N, C-alpha and C. Protein backbone atom coordinates (compact mmCIF):
# COMPACT_ATOMS: atom_id res chain seq x y z
N MET A 1 110.22 121.11 122.68
CA MET A 1 109.66 120.98 121.35
C MET A 1 108.33 120.25 121.45
N ALA A 2 107.33 120.75 120.76
CA ALA A 2 106.00 120.16 120.82
C ALA A 2 105.75 119.32 119.58
N TRP A 3 104.87 118.34 119.72
CA TRP A 3 104.50 117.48 118.60
C TRP A 3 103.04 117.09 118.73
N ILE A 4 102.51 116.53 117.63
CA ILE A 4 101.11 116.09 117.60
C ILE A 4 101.07 114.63 118.00
N ARG A 5 100.13 114.30 118.86
CA ARG A 5 100.01 112.94 119.39
C ARG A 5 98.59 112.44 119.15
N ARG A 6 98.48 111.21 118.63
CA ARG A 6 97.17 110.57 118.45
C ARG A 6 97.06 109.44 119.46
N VAL A 7 95.95 109.42 120.19
CA VAL A 7 95.76 108.42 121.24
C VAL A 7 94.38 107.80 121.08
N ARG A 8 94.29 106.47 121.14
CA ARG A 8 93.00 105.77 121.08
C ARG A 8 92.33 105.89 122.45
N THR A 9 91.08 106.34 122.47
CA THR A 9 90.35 106.50 123.72
C THR A 9 89.57 105.22 124.05
N ALA A 10 89.03 105.16 125.24
CA ALA A 10 88.27 103.98 125.67
C ALA A 10 87.00 103.80 124.83
N SER A 11 86.46 104.90 124.31
CA SER A 11 85.23 104.81 123.51
C SER A 11 85.51 104.39 122.07
N GLY A 12 86.79 104.25 121.71
CA GLY A 12 87.14 103.84 120.36
C GLY A 12 87.47 105.02 119.45
N ALA A 13 87.33 106.23 119.95
CA ALA A 13 87.67 107.41 119.15
C ALA A 13 89.18 107.62 119.19
N THR A 14 89.67 108.53 118.37
CA THR A 14 91.09 108.87 118.36
C THR A 14 91.24 110.31 118.82
N ALA A 15 91.91 110.50 119.95
CA ALA A 15 92.13 111.84 120.48
C ALA A 15 93.37 112.43 119.84
N VAL A 16 93.28 113.70 119.45
CA VAL A 16 94.42 114.42 118.89
C VAL A 16 94.86 115.43 119.94
N GLN A 17 96.13 115.34 120.32
CA GLN A 17 96.66 116.20 121.36
C GLN A 17 97.97 116.82 120.91
N ILE A 18 98.30 117.95 121.49
CA ILE A 18 99.62 118.54 121.30
C ILE A 18 100.37 118.30 122.59
N ALA A 19 101.55 117.68 122.46
CA ALA A 19 102.33 117.31 123.64
C ALA A 19 103.72 117.91 123.53
N GLU A 20 104.41 117.98 124.65
CA GLU A 20 105.80 118.42 124.66
C GLU A 20 106.56 117.64 125.72
N SER A 21 107.86 117.67 125.61
CA SER A 21 108.71 116.98 126.57
C SER A 21 109.37 118.01 127.46
N VAL A 22 109.12 117.88 128.75
CA VAL A 22 109.69 118.80 129.73
C VAL A 22 110.40 117.99 130.79
N GLY A 23 111.71 118.15 130.88
CA GLY A 23 112.48 117.43 131.89
C GLY A 23 112.41 115.93 131.71
N GLY A 24 112.31 115.46 130.46
CA GLY A 24 112.26 114.03 130.19
C GLY A 24 110.88 113.43 130.37
N ARG A 25 109.88 114.23 130.67
CA ARG A 25 108.51 113.73 130.85
C ARG A 25 107.60 114.35 129.80
N ARG A 26 106.66 113.56 129.33
CA ARG A 26 105.69 114.07 128.36
C ARG A 26 104.60 114.85 129.09
N ARG A 27 104.22 115.97 128.47
CA ARG A 27 103.17 116.78 129.06
C ARG A 27 102.20 117.17 127.95
N ILE A 28 100.89 116.98 128.20
CA ILE A 28 99.87 117.35 127.23
C ILE A 28 99.68 118.86 127.32
N VAL A 29 99.93 119.56 126.22
CA VAL A 29 99.79 121.01 126.19
C VAL A 29 98.34 121.38 125.89
N ARG A 30 97.76 120.67 124.90
CA ARG A 30 96.39 120.99 124.50
C ARG A 30 95.72 119.77 123.90
N HIS A 31 94.47 119.56 124.25
CA HIS A 31 93.64 118.53 123.64
C HIS A 31 92.88 119.22 122.51
N VAL A 32 93.17 118.81 121.27
CA VAL A 32 92.55 119.45 120.10
C VAL A 32 91.14 118.93 119.89
N GLY A 33 90.94 117.63 120.07
CA GLY A 33 89.61 117.05 119.90
C GLY A 33 89.68 115.55 119.72
N SER A 34 88.52 114.91 119.57
CA SER A 34 88.43 113.47 119.36
C SER A 34 87.71 113.19 118.05
N ALA A 35 88.30 112.28 117.26
CA ALA A 35 87.74 111.94 115.96
C ALA A 35 87.13 110.55 116.01
N HIS A 36 86.00 110.40 115.30
CA HIS A 36 85.33 109.11 115.24
C HIS A 36 85.45 108.46 113.86
N ASP A 37 86.01 109.19 112.88
CA ASP A 37 86.24 108.63 111.55
C ASP A 37 87.46 109.32 110.93
N GLU A 38 87.84 108.86 109.75
CA GLU A 38 89.06 109.37 109.10
C GLU A 38 88.93 110.84 108.72
N ALA A 39 87.75 111.27 108.31
CA ALA A 39 87.55 112.66 107.91
C ALA A 39 87.77 113.60 109.10
N GLU A 40 87.16 113.26 110.23
CA GLU A 40 87.33 114.07 111.44
C GLU A 40 88.79 114.08 111.88
N LEU A 41 89.45 112.92 111.77
CA LEU A 41 90.85 112.83 112.16
C LEU A 41 91.72 113.73 111.30
N GLY A 42 91.45 113.76 110.00
CA GLY A 42 92.20 114.64 109.09
C GLY A 42 92.02 116.10 109.45
N LEU A 43 90.79 116.50 109.75
CA LEU A 43 90.52 117.89 110.12
C LEU A 43 91.22 118.26 111.44
N LEU A 44 91.18 117.36 112.41
CA LEU A 44 91.83 117.63 113.69
C LEU A 44 93.35 117.69 113.55
N MET A 45 93.91 116.82 112.71
CA MET A 45 95.36 116.84 112.49
C MET A 45 95.78 118.15 111.82
N ALA A 46 94.97 118.64 110.86
CA ALA A 46 95.27 119.91 110.21
C ALA A 46 95.18 121.07 111.20
N GLN A 47 94.18 121.03 112.07
CA GLN A 47 94.01 122.07 113.07
C GLN A 47 95.20 122.04 114.05
N ALA A 48 95.63 120.87 114.45
CA ALA A 48 96.77 120.76 115.36
C ALA A 48 98.04 121.26 114.70
N SER A 49 98.21 120.98 113.41
CA SER A 49 99.39 121.48 112.69
C SER A 49 99.40 122.99 112.65
N LYS A 50 98.23 123.60 112.44
CA LYS A 50 98.15 125.06 112.45
C LYS A 50 98.50 125.62 113.82
N LEU A 51 98.05 124.94 114.87
CA LEU A 51 98.35 125.41 116.21
C LEU A 51 99.85 125.32 116.51
N LEU A 52 100.53 124.35 115.91
CA LEU A 52 101.96 124.20 116.16
C LEU A 52 102.80 125.21 115.39
N GLN A 53 102.26 125.75 114.29
CA GLN A 53 103.02 126.70 113.50
C GLN A 53 103.13 128.03 114.23
N ASP A 54 104.35 128.55 114.28
CA ASP A 54 104.60 129.83 114.92
C ASP A 54 104.79 130.85 113.80
N ASP A 55 103.90 131.85 113.73
CA ASP A 55 103.97 132.84 112.65
C ASP A 55 105.27 133.63 112.69
N ALA A 56 105.87 133.82 113.85
CA ALA A 56 107.10 134.58 113.97
C ALA A 56 108.31 133.75 113.56
N GLN A 57 108.13 132.45 113.49
CA GLN A 57 109.24 131.55 113.14
C GLN A 57 109.34 131.45 111.63
N GLY A 58 110.45 131.86 111.06
CA GLY A 58 110.66 131.77 109.62
C GLY A 58 111.22 130.41 109.25
N GLN A 59 111.32 130.16 107.98
CA GLN A 59 111.90 128.91 107.50
C GLN A 59 113.25 129.20 106.89
N LEU A 60 114.21 128.37 107.18
CA LEU A 60 115.53 128.49 106.62
C LEU A 60 115.52 127.85 105.24
N ASP A 61 115.82 128.62 104.22
CA ASP A 61 115.83 128.11 102.86
C ASP A 61 117.17 127.44 102.60
N LEU A 62 117.15 126.13 102.49
CA LEU A 62 118.38 125.37 102.25
C LEU A 62 118.64 125.16 100.77
N GLY A 63 117.75 125.65 99.93
CA GLY A 63 117.93 125.49 98.49
C GLY A 63 117.65 124.08 98.00
N LEU A 64 116.95 123.30 98.79
CA LEU A 64 116.62 121.93 98.41
C LEU A 64 115.28 121.93 97.69
N SER A 65 115.18 121.12 96.65
CA SER A 65 113.93 121.00 95.94
C SER A 65 113.25 119.70 96.35
N LEU A 66 111.95 119.67 96.18
CA LEU A 66 111.20 118.46 96.50
C LEU A 66 111.54 117.37 95.51
N PRO A 67 111.51 116.11 95.93
CA PRO A 67 111.82 115.03 94.99
C PRO A 67 110.77 114.96 93.88
N VAL A 68 111.22 114.62 92.70
CA VAL A 68 110.33 114.50 91.55
C VAL A 68 109.55 113.19 91.69
N PRO A 69 108.22 113.24 91.64
CA PRO A 69 107.45 112.01 91.84
C PRO A 69 107.61 110.99 90.71
N TRP A 70 107.84 111.45 89.48
CA TRP A 70 108.00 110.54 88.35
C TRP A 70 109.36 110.76 87.73
N ALA A 71 110.12 109.72 87.59
CA ALA A 71 111.42 109.82 86.96
C ALA A 71 111.28 109.54 85.47
N ALA A 72 112.15 110.16 84.68
CA ALA A 72 112.12 109.92 83.24
C ALA A 72 112.64 108.51 82.96
N MET A 73 112.07 107.89 81.95
CA MET A 73 112.51 106.55 81.58
C MET A 73 113.86 106.64 80.89
N VAL A 74 114.73 105.69 81.15
CA VAL A 74 116.03 105.64 80.50
C VAL A 74 115.83 105.07 79.11
N PRO A 75 116.34 105.76 78.08
CA PRO A 75 116.11 105.25 76.72
C PRO A 75 116.84 103.93 76.51
N ALA A 76 116.26 103.09 75.68
CA ALA A 76 116.87 101.80 75.38
C ALA A 76 118.11 102.03 74.52
N PRO A 77 119.14 101.22 74.70
CA PRO A 77 120.35 101.39 73.88
C PRO A 77 120.07 101.03 72.42
N ALA A 78 120.87 101.61 71.53
CA ALA A 78 120.70 101.34 70.10
C ALA A 78 121.25 99.97 69.73
N GLU A 79 122.20 99.46 70.53
CA GLU A 79 122.79 98.16 70.25
C GLU A 79 122.71 97.29 71.50
N THR A 80 122.69 95.99 71.28
CA THR A 80 122.71 95.06 72.40
C THR A 80 124.14 94.83 72.85
N LEU A 81 124.33 93.99 73.82
CA LEU A 81 125.64 93.71 74.36
C LEU A 81 126.59 93.15 73.31
N PHE A 82 126.06 92.41 72.35
CA PHE A 82 126.89 91.78 71.34
C PHE A 82 126.87 92.54 70.01
N GLY A 83 126.45 93.80 70.00
CA GLY A 83 126.52 94.63 68.81
C GLY A 83 125.35 94.51 67.86
N GLU A 84 124.32 93.77 68.21
CA GLU A 84 123.15 93.64 67.33
C GLU A 84 122.29 94.90 67.45
N GLN A 85 121.70 95.31 66.35
CA GLN A 85 120.85 96.49 66.34
C GLN A 85 119.50 96.18 67.00
N VAL A 86 119.00 97.12 67.78
CA VAL A 86 117.71 96.98 68.44
C VAL A 86 116.66 97.63 67.54
N LYS A 87 115.58 96.92 67.27
CA LYS A 87 114.51 97.43 66.40
C LYS A 87 113.36 97.93 67.25
N GLY A 88 113.36 99.20 67.56
CA GLY A 88 112.26 99.82 68.30
C GLY A 88 112.26 99.41 69.76
N PRO A 89 111.41 100.06 70.53
CA PRO A 89 111.36 99.73 71.96
C PRO A 89 110.73 98.36 72.19
N ALA A 90 111.24 97.67 73.18
CA ALA A 90 110.70 96.35 73.52
C ALA A 90 109.36 96.52 74.19
N ARG A 91 108.41 95.71 73.80
CA ARG A 91 107.09 95.78 74.41
C ARG A 91 107.05 94.90 75.64
N ARG A 92 106.45 95.40 76.68
CA ARG A 92 106.31 94.63 77.90
C ARG A 92 105.08 93.76 77.81
N PRO A 93 105.18 92.49 78.20
CA PRO A 93 103.99 91.63 78.14
C PRO A 93 102.96 92.07 79.17
N VAL A 94 101.71 91.94 78.78
CA VAL A 94 100.62 92.27 79.69
C VAL A 94 100.39 91.09 80.61
N VAL A 95 100.45 91.33 81.89
CA VAL A 95 100.29 90.27 82.88
C VAL A 95 99.07 90.60 83.74
N ALA A 96 98.24 89.63 83.94
CA ALA A 96 97.06 89.82 84.77
C ALA A 96 97.46 90.01 86.23
N ALA A 97 96.59 90.64 86.99
CA ALA A 97 96.84 90.83 88.41
C ALA A 97 96.94 89.47 89.10
N PRO A 98 97.81 89.34 90.09
CA PRO A 98 97.96 88.05 90.76
C PRO A 98 96.71 87.70 91.57
N ARG A 99 96.43 86.41 91.65
CA ARG A 99 95.30 85.91 92.44
C ARG A 99 95.78 84.73 93.27
N VAL A 100 95.23 84.59 94.45
CA VAL A 100 95.52 83.41 95.28
C VAL A 100 94.51 82.35 94.90
N LEU A 101 95.02 81.25 94.36
CA LEU A 101 94.12 80.18 93.92
C LEU A 101 93.80 79.23 95.06
N ARG A 102 94.82 78.94 95.88
CA ARG A 102 94.59 78.10 97.05
C ARG A 102 95.79 78.24 97.98
N THR A 103 95.60 77.83 99.19
CA THR A 103 96.69 77.84 100.16
C THR A 103 96.87 76.43 100.69
N SER A 104 98.07 76.16 101.18
CA SER A 104 98.36 74.82 101.65
C SER A 104 99.34 74.88 102.81
N SER A 105 99.19 73.99 103.74
CA SER A 105 100.11 73.89 104.86
C SER A 105 101.03 72.68 104.69
N ALA A 106 101.10 72.15 103.49
CA ALA A 106 101.87 70.92 103.26
C ALA A 106 103.34 71.11 103.60
N LEU A 107 103.93 72.24 103.22
CA LEU A 107 105.34 72.48 103.50
C LEU A 107 105.58 72.55 105.01
N LEU A 108 104.72 73.25 105.71
CA LEU A 108 104.85 73.33 107.17
C LEU A 108 104.68 71.95 107.80
N TYR A 109 103.69 71.18 107.33
CA TYR A 109 103.46 69.85 107.86
C TYR A 109 104.68 68.96 107.63
N GLU A 110 105.25 69.02 106.43
CA GLU A 110 106.41 68.19 106.12
C GLU A 110 107.61 68.59 106.98
N ALA A 111 107.81 69.88 107.22
CA ALA A 111 108.92 70.33 108.06
C ALA A 111 108.74 69.85 109.50
N LEU A 112 107.51 69.98 110.02
CA LEU A 112 107.27 69.54 111.40
C LEU A 112 107.37 68.02 111.52
N ALA A 113 106.89 67.30 110.51
CA ALA A 113 106.99 65.84 110.53
C ALA A 113 108.45 65.41 110.48
N GLY A 114 109.28 66.12 109.72
CA GLY A 114 110.70 65.80 109.67
C GLY A 114 111.38 66.01 111.01
N VAL A 115 111.06 67.10 111.68
CA VAL A 115 111.63 67.37 113.01
C VAL A 115 111.15 66.31 113.99
N TYR A 116 109.88 65.94 113.93
CA TYR A 116 109.30 64.92 114.79
C TYR A 116 110.06 63.60 114.63
N THR A 117 110.33 63.23 113.37
CA THR A 117 111.06 62.00 113.08
C THR A 117 112.52 62.11 113.52
N ASP A 118 113.16 63.23 113.26
CA ASP A 118 114.56 63.43 113.66
C ASP A 118 114.74 63.34 115.17
N LEU A 119 113.74 63.76 115.92
CA LEU A 119 113.83 63.69 117.38
C LEU A 119 113.51 62.29 117.91
N GLY A 120 113.03 61.41 117.05
CA GLY A 120 112.75 60.03 117.44
C GLY A 120 111.38 59.80 118.02
N PHE A 121 110.50 60.77 117.90
CA PHE A 121 109.16 60.60 118.45
C PHE A 121 108.32 59.62 117.65
N ASP A 122 108.71 59.33 116.41
CA ASP A 122 107.91 58.40 115.60
C ASP A 122 108.06 56.95 116.04
N ILE A 123 109.08 56.65 116.84
CA ILE A 123 109.27 55.26 117.28
C ILE A 123 108.80 55.03 118.71
N LEU A 124 108.29 56.06 119.37
CA LEU A 124 107.79 55.87 120.73
C LEU A 124 106.54 55.03 120.72
N ASP A 125 106.39 54.23 121.75
CA ASP A 125 105.21 53.38 121.88
C ASP A 125 104.05 54.24 122.40
N GLY A 126 102.90 54.14 121.81
CA GLY A 126 101.76 54.97 122.17
C GLY A 126 100.91 54.42 123.30
N ARG A 127 101.48 53.65 124.20
CA ARG A 127 100.66 53.06 125.29
C ARG A 127 100.34 54.04 126.34
């Protein structure tokens, strides 16, 4: 069975190859090309996929459908758990995107200082 293989070259490019396993060893069947950016890589991957397709090989129809990308929302119940009537759909609060305001190593420092003290290193003489 053959598969598409991407390999980083010494020049920093990405080589696209078709490989197969023969007797437990990998063998390069064909070097499709080398890409220097994402656009070239996409084109080479598409070309390699075409090379792997066998026109004489049909597809077995298993009757499976593709997963639906968007699921329908579940309607809100008309009553709450305690029998109270629900008045319209609940509005979700608008929340701003998260931001990192600052970082701190205080927790790590406190943990390491605790281990240092537990091991008795705080009472050693510093001579």
